[in-house]
N, C-alpha and C. Protein backbone atom coordinates (compact mmCIF):
# COMPACT_ATOMS: atom_id res chain seq x y z
N MET A 1 19.91 11.09 -0.01
CA MET A 1 19.23 10.42 -1.10
C MET A 1 19.08 11.40 -2.25
N THR A 2 19.23 10.89 -3.45
CA THR A 2 19.02 11.74 -4.62
C THR A 2 17.52 11.88 -4.87
N VAL A 3 17.19 12.57 -5.93
CA VAL A 3 15.79 12.80 -6.27
C VAL A 3 15.07 11.46 -6.41
N LEU A 4 13.91 11.40 -5.81
CA LEU A 4 13.10 10.19 -5.84
C LEU A 4 12.13 10.28 -7.01
N GLU A 5 12.04 9.20 -7.77
CA GLU A 5 11.07 9.12 -8.86
C GLU A 5 10.05 8.05 -8.52
N VAL A 6 8.76 8.39 -8.58
CA VAL A 6 7.70 7.41 -8.38
C VAL A 6 7.00 7.24 -9.72
N ARG A 7 6.87 5.98 -10.14
CA ARG A 7 6.23 5.71 -11.43
C ARG A 7 5.49 4.38 -11.38
N PRO A 8 4.54 4.18 -12.29
CA PRO A 8 3.84 2.89 -12.35
C PRO A 8 4.81 1.76 -12.69
N ILE A 9 4.58 0.62 -12.07
CA ILE A 9 5.34 -0.60 -12.35
C ILE A 9 4.34 -1.75 -12.46
N THR A 10 4.82 -2.93 -12.79
CA THR A 10 3.95 -4.10 -12.88
C THR A 10 3.85 -4.79 -11.52
N ALA A 11 2.84 -5.63 -11.39
CA ALA A 11 2.71 -6.43 -10.16
C ALA A 11 3.96 -7.28 -9.96
N GLU A 12 4.47 -7.85 -11.03
CA GLU A 12 5.66 -8.69 -10.95
C GLU A 12 6.85 -7.92 -10.37
N GLU A 13 6.97 -6.66 -10.74
CA GLU A 13 8.09 -5.84 -10.26
C GLU A 13 8.00 -5.53 -8.77
N THR A 14 6.81 -5.63 -8.18
CA THR A 14 6.67 -5.37 -6.75
C THR A 14 7.15 -6.54 -5.90
N LEU A 15 7.18 -7.73 -6.48
CA LEU A 15 7.37 -8.95 -5.69
C LEU A 15 8.69 -9.04 -4.93
N PRO A 16 9.83 -8.69 -5.50
CA PRO A 16 11.06 -8.83 -4.70
C PRO A 16 11.03 -8.03 -3.39
N LEU A 17 10.55 -6.78 -3.44
CA LEU A 17 10.50 -5.99 -2.20
C LEU A 17 9.38 -6.48 -1.28
N ARG A 18 8.21 -6.78 -1.83
CA ARG A 18 7.13 -7.32 -1.00
C ARG A 18 7.61 -8.54 -0.23
N LEU A 19 8.26 -9.44 -0.95
CA LEU A 19 8.70 -10.69 -0.32
C LEU A 19 9.77 -10.44 0.73
N ALA A 20 10.77 -9.65 0.40
CA ALA A 20 11.89 -9.41 1.32
C ALA A 20 11.47 -8.65 2.56
N ILE A 21 10.56 -7.68 2.40
CA ILE A 21 10.21 -6.80 3.52
C ILE A 21 8.94 -7.24 4.24
N LEU A 22 7.93 -7.65 3.50
CA LEU A 22 6.64 -7.97 4.12
C LEU A 22 6.45 -9.46 4.42
N ARG A 23 7.17 -10.32 3.72
CA ARG A 23 7.01 -11.77 3.91
C ARG A 23 8.37 -12.47 4.00
N PRO A 24 9.30 -11.95 4.81
CA PRO A 24 10.64 -12.54 4.85
C PRO A 24 10.59 -14.02 5.26
N GLY A 25 11.33 -14.82 4.50
CA GLY A 25 11.42 -16.24 4.82
C GLY A 25 10.24 -17.07 4.37
N LEU A 26 9.22 -16.43 3.79
CA LEU A 26 8.03 -17.16 3.35
C LEU A 26 8.11 -17.43 1.85
N PRO A 27 7.30 -18.35 1.35
CA PRO A 27 7.30 -18.63 -0.08
C PRO A 27 6.87 -17.42 -0.91
N ARG A 28 7.39 -17.34 -2.12
CA ARG A 28 7.09 -16.23 -3.04
C ARG A 28 5.59 -16.00 -3.20
N GLU A 29 4.81 -17.08 -3.21
CA GLU A 29 3.36 -16.98 -3.42
C GLU A 29 2.68 -16.11 -2.36
N THR A 30 3.27 -16.02 -1.17
CA THR A 30 2.65 -15.23 -0.10
C THR A 30 2.73 -13.73 -0.40
N ALA A 31 3.58 -13.33 -1.35
CA ALA A 31 3.72 -11.92 -1.72
C ALA A 31 2.86 -11.57 -2.93
N ILE A 32 2.14 -12.54 -3.47
CA ILE A 32 1.23 -12.30 -4.60
C ILE A 32 -0.16 -12.13 -4.02
N PHE A 33 -0.80 -11.00 -4.34
CA PHE A 33 -2.11 -10.69 -3.77
C PHE A 33 -3.22 -10.95 -4.78
N PRO A 34 -4.40 -11.37 -4.28
CA PRO A 34 -5.55 -11.46 -5.18
C PRO A 34 -5.77 -10.07 -5.81
N ASN A 35 -6.16 -10.05 -7.02
CA ASN A 35 -6.45 -8.81 -7.77
C ASN A 35 -5.20 -8.06 -8.21
N ASP A 36 -4.01 -8.61 -8.02
CA ASP A 36 -2.81 -7.93 -8.51
C ASP A 36 -2.91 -7.62 -10.00
N GLU A 37 -3.52 -8.52 -10.75
CA GLU A 37 -3.59 -8.36 -12.20
C GLU A 37 -4.92 -7.75 -12.68
N ALA A 38 -5.77 -7.34 -11.75
CA ALA A 38 -7.05 -6.74 -12.15
C ALA A 38 -6.81 -5.43 -12.90
N GLN A 39 -7.68 -5.13 -13.85
CA GLN A 39 -7.53 -3.90 -14.65
C GLN A 39 -7.57 -2.65 -13.80
N THR A 40 -8.28 -2.68 -12.68
CA THR A 40 -8.40 -1.50 -11.84
C THR A 40 -7.27 -1.36 -10.83
N SER A 41 -6.39 -2.36 -10.75
CA SER A 41 -5.27 -2.30 -9.81
C SER A 41 -4.14 -1.46 -10.39
N ARG A 42 -3.41 -0.81 -9.50
CA ARG A 42 -2.25 0.00 -9.90
C ARG A 42 -1.10 -0.35 -8.95
N HIS A 43 0.10 -0.34 -9.50
CA HIS A 43 1.30 -0.63 -8.73
C HIS A 43 2.28 0.51 -8.97
N PHE A 44 2.90 0.96 -7.92
CA PHE A 44 3.85 2.07 -8.03
C PHE A 44 5.19 1.66 -7.43
N GLY A 45 6.24 2.14 -8.06
CA GLY A 45 7.58 1.92 -7.55
C GLY A 45 8.25 3.25 -7.29
N ALA A 46 9.02 3.33 -6.24
CA ALA A 46 9.83 4.51 -5.94
C ALA A 46 11.27 4.13 -6.27
N PHE A 47 11.93 5.00 -7.04
CA PHE A 47 13.29 4.73 -7.50
C PHE A 47 14.22 5.83 -7.02
N SER A 48 15.37 5.42 -6.54
CA SER A 48 16.43 6.34 -6.15
C SER A 48 17.68 5.91 -6.93
N GLU A 49 18.19 6.83 -7.73
CA GLU A 49 19.35 6.52 -8.58
C GLU A 49 19.10 5.28 -9.41
N GLY A 50 17.88 5.13 -9.91
CA GLY A 50 17.54 4.01 -10.77
C GLY A 50 17.24 2.71 -10.05
N GLU A 51 17.40 2.68 -8.73
CA GLU A 51 17.16 1.46 -7.95
C GLU A 51 15.78 1.51 -7.31
N LEU A 52 15.05 0.40 -7.40
CA LEU A 52 13.74 0.30 -6.77
C LEU A 52 13.92 0.24 -5.26
N VAL A 53 13.37 1.25 -4.56
CA VAL A 53 13.56 1.33 -3.11
C VAL A 53 12.24 1.27 -2.33
N GLY A 54 11.11 1.26 -3.05
CA GLY A 54 9.82 1.17 -2.39
C GLY A 54 8.74 0.79 -3.38
N VAL A 55 7.70 0.13 -2.87
CA VAL A 55 6.58 -0.28 -3.72
C VAL A 55 5.27 -0.08 -2.97
N ALA A 56 4.20 0.09 -3.74
CA ALA A 56 2.85 0.15 -3.18
C ALA A 56 1.88 -0.31 -4.26
N THR A 57 0.80 -0.91 -3.82
CA THR A 57 -0.24 -1.41 -4.71
C THR A 57 -1.58 -0.87 -4.23
N MET A 58 -2.46 -0.60 -5.18
CA MET A 58 -3.83 -0.23 -4.82
C MET A 58 -4.79 -1.07 -5.66
N HIS A 59 -5.80 -1.60 -4.97
CA HIS A 59 -6.83 -2.41 -5.61
C HIS A 59 -8.17 -1.74 -5.40
N PHE A 60 -9.02 -1.76 -6.46
CA PHE A 60 -10.41 -1.33 -6.26
C PHE A 60 -11.03 -2.37 -5.36
N SER A 61 -11.49 -1.94 -4.19
CA SER A 61 -11.96 -2.90 -3.20
C SER A 61 -12.96 -2.24 -2.26
N PRO A 62 -14.24 -2.29 -2.62
CA PRO A 62 -15.25 -1.73 -1.72
C PRO A 62 -15.20 -2.39 -0.35
N LEU A 63 -15.53 -1.63 0.65
CA LEU A 63 -15.59 -2.17 2.01
C LEU A 63 -16.93 -2.87 2.18
N LEU A 64 -16.89 -4.19 2.24
CA LEU A 64 -18.13 -4.95 2.26
C LEU A 64 -18.97 -4.67 3.49
N ASP A 65 -18.31 -4.32 4.60
CA ASP A 65 -19.06 -4.03 5.82
C ASP A 65 -19.54 -2.58 5.85
N GLN A 66 -19.23 -1.80 4.82
CA GLN A 66 -19.64 -0.40 4.73
C GLN A 66 -20.21 -0.16 3.33
N PRO A 67 -21.47 -0.56 3.06
CA PRO A 67 -22.00 -0.49 1.71
C PRO A 67 -21.98 0.92 1.11
N ASP A 68 -21.98 1.95 1.94
CA ASP A 68 -21.94 3.31 1.41
C ASP A 68 -20.53 3.70 0.96
N PHE A 69 -19.56 2.84 1.20
CA PHE A 69 -18.17 3.10 0.79
C PHE A 69 -17.84 2.29 -0.46
N ASP A 70 -18.76 2.24 -1.43
CA ASP A 70 -18.55 1.36 -2.57
C ASP A 70 -17.48 1.86 -3.53
N SER A 71 -17.17 3.13 -3.52
CA SER A 71 -16.15 3.68 -4.41
C SER A 71 -14.85 3.83 -3.62
N ALA A 72 -14.17 2.69 -3.40
CA ALA A 72 -13.00 2.69 -2.52
C ALA A 72 -11.86 1.88 -3.11
N TYR A 73 -10.65 2.31 -2.79
CA TYR A 73 -9.44 1.58 -3.14
C TYR A 73 -8.71 1.20 -1.87
N GLN A 74 -8.14 0.01 -1.89
CA GLN A 74 -7.32 -0.46 -0.79
C GLN A 74 -5.85 -0.32 -1.16
N VAL A 75 -5.08 0.28 -0.27
CA VAL A 75 -3.63 0.32 -0.42
C VAL A 75 -3.08 -0.95 0.20
N ARG A 76 -2.21 -1.65 -0.53
CA ARG A 76 -1.65 -2.91 -0.05
C ARG A 76 -0.17 -2.96 -0.38
N GLY A 77 0.53 -3.78 0.32
CA GLY A 77 1.89 -4.11 -0.05
C GLY A 77 2.86 -2.95 -0.05
N MET A 78 2.63 -1.96 0.83
CA MET A 78 3.59 -0.86 0.91
C MET A 78 4.86 -1.37 1.58
N ALA A 79 5.98 -1.17 0.90
CA ALA A 79 7.25 -1.63 1.43
C ALA A 79 8.36 -0.68 1.00
N THR A 80 9.21 -0.32 1.93
CA THR A 80 10.36 0.56 1.67
C THR A 80 11.61 -0.13 2.22
N VAL A 81 12.69 -0.04 1.46
CA VAL A 81 13.93 -0.65 1.94
C VAL A 81 14.28 -0.02 3.29
N PRO A 82 14.76 -0.82 4.23
CA PRO A 82 14.99 -0.32 5.60
C PRO A 82 15.86 0.93 5.68
N GLU A 83 16.89 1.01 4.88
CA GLU A 83 17.80 2.15 4.99
C GLU A 83 17.20 3.47 4.56
N LEU A 84 16.03 3.45 3.90
CA LEU A 84 15.39 4.70 3.47
C LEU A 84 14.07 4.98 4.18
N ARG A 85 13.73 4.19 5.19
CA ARG A 85 12.51 4.46 5.94
C ARG A 85 12.64 5.81 6.64
N GLY A 86 11.57 6.58 6.60
CA GLY A 86 11.59 7.90 7.22
C GLY A 86 12.14 8.98 6.31
N SER A 87 12.46 8.64 5.07
CA SER A 87 13.06 9.61 4.15
C SER A 87 12.07 10.18 3.14
N GLY A 88 10.79 9.78 3.21
CA GLY A 88 9.79 10.30 2.29
C GLY A 88 9.38 9.33 1.20
N VAL A 89 9.98 8.15 1.16
CA VAL A 89 9.63 7.17 0.13
C VAL A 89 8.17 6.72 0.30
N GLY A 90 7.80 6.33 1.52
CA GLY A 90 6.42 5.88 1.77
C GLY A 90 5.42 6.98 1.49
N ARG A 91 5.73 8.21 1.89
CA ARG A 91 4.84 9.34 1.64
C ARG A 91 4.63 9.52 0.14
N ALA A 92 5.71 9.47 -0.64
CA ALA A 92 5.62 9.65 -2.09
C ALA A 92 4.78 8.54 -2.73
N LEU A 93 4.96 7.32 -2.27
CA LEU A 93 4.17 6.21 -2.80
C LEU A 93 2.70 6.35 -2.44
N LEU A 94 2.42 6.71 -1.19
CA LEU A 94 1.04 6.88 -0.76
C LEU A 94 0.38 8.02 -1.52
N GLU A 95 1.09 9.11 -1.74
CA GLU A 95 0.54 10.23 -2.52
C GLU A 95 0.21 9.79 -3.93
N ALA A 96 1.04 8.95 -4.54
CA ALA A 96 0.75 8.45 -5.89
C ALA A 96 -0.52 7.62 -5.89
N CYS A 97 -0.70 6.78 -4.87
CA CYS A 97 -1.91 5.96 -4.76
C CYS A 97 -3.14 6.83 -4.55
N VAL A 98 -3.05 7.80 -3.66
CA VAL A 98 -4.19 8.69 -3.38
C VAL A 98 -4.57 9.44 -4.66
N GLN A 99 -3.60 9.96 -5.39
CA GLN A 99 -3.90 10.71 -6.61
C GLN A 99 -4.55 9.81 -7.66
N ALA A 100 -4.04 8.60 -7.81
CA ALA A 100 -4.62 7.66 -8.77
C ALA A 100 -6.06 7.31 -8.39
N ALA A 101 -6.32 7.13 -7.11
CA ALA A 101 -7.67 6.83 -6.65
C ALA A 101 -8.60 8.01 -6.91
N LYS A 102 -8.13 9.21 -6.62
CA LYS A 102 -8.94 10.41 -6.91
C LYS A 102 -9.22 10.52 -8.40
N ASP A 103 -8.19 10.30 -9.21
CA ASP A 103 -8.35 10.38 -10.67
C ASP A 103 -9.37 9.38 -11.19
N SER A 104 -9.52 8.26 -10.49
CA SER A 104 -10.47 7.23 -10.92
C SER A 104 -11.89 7.54 -10.43
N GLY A 105 -12.05 8.59 -9.62
CA GLY A 105 -13.36 8.96 -9.10
C GLY A 105 -13.70 8.32 -7.76
N ALA A 106 -12.74 7.65 -7.16
CA ALA A 106 -13.00 7.00 -5.87
C ALA A 106 -13.25 8.06 -4.79
N GLN A 107 -14.00 7.67 -3.78
CA GLN A 107 -14.31 8.56 -2.67
C GLN A 107 -13.56 8.19 -1.40
N TRP A 108 -13.00 6.98 -1.37
CA TRP A 108 -12.35 6.50 -0.16
C TRP A 108 -11.09 5.73 -0.49
N MET A 109 -10.15 5.75 0.43
CA MET A 109 -8.98 4.90 0.37
C MET A 109 -8.88 4.24 1.75
N TRP A 110 -8.53 2.97 1.77
CA TRP A 110 -8.41 2.28 3.04
C TRP A 110 -7.24 1.30 2.98
N CYS A 111 -6.86 0.84 4.15
CA CYS A 111 -5.79 -0.14 4.23
C CYS A 111 -5.95 -0.94 5.51
N ASN A 112 -5.31 -2.08 5.51
CA ASN A 112 -5.10 -2.84 6.74
C ASN A 112 -3.67 -2.55 7.14
N ALA A 113 -3.50 -1.64 8.06
CA ALA A 113 -2.16 -1.17 8.44
C ALA A 113 -1.55 -2.07 9.51
N ARG A 114 -0.30 -2.42 9.31
CA ARG A 114 0.43 -3.10 10.39
C ARG A 114 0.44 -2.14 11.58
N THR A 115 0.30 -2.67 12.77
CA THR A 115 0.18 -1.78 13.93
C THR A 115 1.36 -0.80 14.06
N PRO A 116 2.61 -1.18 13.75
CA PRO A 116 3.68 -0.17 13.84
C PRO A 116 3.56 0.96 12.80
N ALA A 117 2.77 0.74 11.74
CA ALA A 117 2.63 1.75 10.68
C ALA A 117 1.41 2.66 10.88
N MET A 118 0.67 2.45 11.95
CA MET A 118 -0.55 3.26 12.16
C MET A 118 -0.25 4.75 12.20
N GLY A 119 0.82 5.15 12.85
CA GLY A 119 1.18 6.56 12.93
C GLY A 119 1.45 7.16 11.57
N PHE A 120 2.12 6.41 10.70
CA PHE A 120 2.38 6.86 9.33
C PHE A 120 1.07 7.17 8.62
N TYR A 121 0.14 6.23 8.65
CA TYR A 121 -1.13 6.43 7.95
C TYR A 121 -1.93 7.56 8.59
N ALA A 122 -1.91 7.66 9.91
CA ALA A 122 -2.63 8.74 10.59
C ALA A 122 -2.10 10.11 10.16
N ARG A 123 -0.78 10.23 10.00
CA ARG A 123 -0.19 11.49 9.55
C ARG A 123 -0.63 11.85 8.14
N HIS A 124 -1.14 10.88 7.40
CA HIS A 124 -1.56 11.11 6.02
C HIS A 124 -3.07 11.03 5.87
N GLY A 125 -3.79 11.32 6.95
CA GLY A 125 -5.24 11.49 6.87
C GLY A 125 -6.08 10.25 7.09
N PHE A 126 -5.48 9.13 7.44
CA PHE A 126 -6.24 7.91 7.68
C PHE A 126 -6.65 7.84 9.15
N THR A 127 -7.82 7.26 9.39
CA THR A 127 -8.36 7.10 10.74
C THR A 127 -8.61 5.62 10.98
N ALA A 128 -8.22 5.14 12.16
CA ALA A 128 -8.44 3.74 12.51
C ALA A 128 -9.93 3.46 12.67
N ARG A 129 -10.36 2.31 12.17
CA ARG A 129 -11.74 1.86 12.30
C ARG A 129 -11.72 0.45 12.87
N GLY A 130 -12.19 0.29 14.08
CA GLY A 130 -12.22 -1.03 14.69
C GLY A 130 -10.92 -1.34 15.42
N GLY A 131 -10.85 -2.56 15.90
CA GLY A 131 -9.71 -2.96 16.72
C GLY A 131 -8.65 -3.70 15.94
N VAL A 132 -7.67 -4.18 16.67
CA VAL A 132 -6.55 -4.91 16.09
C VAL A 132 -7.01 -6.32 15.72
N PHE A 133 -6.57 -6.79 14.56
CA PHE A 133 -6.85 -8.15 14.13
C PHE A 133 -5.57 -8.72 13.51
N ASP A 134 -5.51 -10.03 13.42
CA ASP A 134 -4.31 -10.70 12.93
C ASP A 134 -4.53 -11.17 11.51
N LEU A 135 -3.58 -10.86 10.62
CA LEU A 135 -3.61 -11.36 9.25
C LEU A 135 -2.59 -12.49 9.12
N PRO A 136 -2.99 -13.60 8.52
CA PRO A 136 -2.04 -14.71 8.33
C PRO A 136 -0.79 -14.23 7.58
N ASN A 137 0.35 -14.67 8.00
CA ASN A 137 1.65 -14.33 7.39
C ASN A 137 2.05 -12.87 7.56
N ALA A 138 1.24 -12.06 8.25
CA ALA A 138 1.56 -10.63 8.32
C ALA A 138 1.43 -10.02 9.71
N GLY A 139 0.77 -10.69 10.64
CA GLY A 139 0.70 -10.19 12.00
C GLY A 139 -0.43 -9.23 12.29
N PRO A 140 -0.32 -8.47 13.42
CA PRO A 140 -1.41 -7.59 13.85
C PRO A 140 -1.57 -6.37 12.95
N HIS A 141 -2.84 -6.08 12.63
CA HIS A 141 -3.20 -4.97 11.74
C HIS A 141 -4.41 -4.23 12.30
N VAL A 142 -4.63 -3.03 11.79
CA VAL A 142 -5.82 -2.23 12.07
C VAL A 142 -6.32 -1.66 10.75
N ARG A 143 -7.62 -1.73 10.53
CA ARG A 143 -8.18 -1.12 9.33
C ARG A 143 -8.17 0.40 9.50
N MET A 144 -7.72 1.10 8.46
CA MET A 144 -7.67 2.56 8.49
C MET A 144 -8.32 3.08 7.21
N LEU A 145 -8.98 4.22 7.32
CA LEU A 145 -9.81 4.74 6.25
C LEU A 145 -9.55 6.23 6.06
N ARG A 146 -9.57 6.66 4.80
CA ARG A 146 -9.37 8.08 4.50
C ARG A 146 -10.34 8.52 3.42
N PRO A 147 -11.09 9.60 3.66
CA PRO A 147 -11.93 10.14 2.59
C PRO A 147 -11.04 10.84 1.56
N LEU A 148 -11.46 10.79 0.30
CA LEU A 148 -10.73 11.46 -0.75
C LEU A 148 -11.48 12.71 -1.17
């Protein structure tokens, strides 16, 4: 792979990869998340040779069940093209999200990780909180949390 560039993109630009990788065979609307257009939301794209190969979104989203975690961002919609998984694309996208959250003054980052991705998030400082739960259109997940 050539040099990877990670840069801000629009919510609209995330949709083709979100849909193809995270919601295959489902309607386009299932890849649109609440708060995609919120002022505090950020979307990042990873590009290799000018081609979009990965996306990630972060939303300002306090953990309602943890009132002391009010300064928190949720990472959502992380998707990497299959042929580049394990090559550092996800790491680069997650680092961009973490840095943006830190820059905003957030104290926490969290996600609902698909169970096969738990190891990825754990390697990047996230800890599982609670048990496995099922998300509609997305399957089994675990909430994971990381202090910033």
